[in-house]
Protein backbone atom coordinates (compact mmCIF):
# COMPACT_ATOMS: atom_id res chain seq x y z
CA MET A 1 113.63 111.79 182.45
CA TYR A 2 113.56 109.10 179.80
CA PHE A 3 116.98 110.07 178.48
CA CYS A 4 118.56 109.61 181.91
CA THR A 5 116.95 106.17 182.31
CA PHE A 6 118.13 105.19 178.83
CA MET A 7 121.69 106.29 179.61
CA VAL A 8 121.78 104.32 182.87
CA PHE A 9 120.42 101.25 181.10
CA SER A 10 122.95 101.63 178.26
CA VAL A 11 125.87 101.92 180.68
CA PHE A 12 124.60 98.86 182.56
CA ILE A 13 124.40 96.82 179.33
CA ILE A 14 127.90 97.88 178.21
CA LEU A 15 129.43 97.07 181.60
CA SER A 16 127.63 93.72 181.65
CA PHE A 17 129.05 92.76 178.25
CA ALA A 18 132.52 93.88 179.31
CA PHE A 19 132.30 91.82 182.50
CA VAL A 20 131.18 88.70 180.61
CA ALA A 21 133.97 89.17 178.04
CA LEU A 22 136.52 89.49 180.84
CA ILE A 23 135.30 86.32 182.55
CA LEU A 24 135.37 84.38 179.26
CA GLN A 25 138.89 85.62 178.52
CA PHE A 26 140.21 84.33 181.83
CA ASP A 27 138.27 81.08 181.59
CA PHE A 28 138.94 80.11 177.96
CA GLY A 29 141.75 82.37 176.76
CA THR A 30 144.50 81.46 179.19
CA ASP A 31 146.13 78.88 176.92
CA PHE A 32 145.97 81.00 173.78
CA PHE A 33 149.38 82.63 174.15
CA GLU A 34 151.00 79.40 175.31
CA ILE A 35 149.65 77.54 172.26
CA ASP A 36 150.69 80.39 169.96
CA ARG A 37 154.23 80.42 171.37
CA CYS A 38 154.47 76.64 170.95
CA LEU A 39 153.41 76.79 167.30
CA ASP A 40 155.70 79.75 166.60
CA GLU A 41 158.65 77.72 167.90
CA GLY A 42 157.80 74.86 165.53
CA GLY A 43 156.26 72.60 168.12
CA ARG A 44 152.98 70.77 168.18
CA TRP A 45 150.31 71.43 170.81
CA ASN A 46 148.99 68.30 172.51
CA LYS A 47 145.43 69.20 173.42
CA ASP A 48 144.87 66.13 175.60
CA LEU A 49 147.91 66.80 177.79
CA GLY A 50 147.87 70.59 177.46
CA THR A 51 151.57 70.68 176.64
CA CYS A 52 153.86 71.61 173.79
CA GLU A 53 155.69 68.81 172.03
CA HIS A 54 158.89 69.75 170.24
CA LYS A 55 160.32 67.59 167.50
């Protein structure tokens, strides 16, 4: 009985963490690849404007 309850609780905790990580990724991680591409191309990321500035 206790093992089953523990398993359900563990699955709930793991799914909760995965859900929070997914929400944070979409909320804060959307610009990551755009910034990385800009820097790889030799540009400079303007944080205030949210754009890539090429020299």
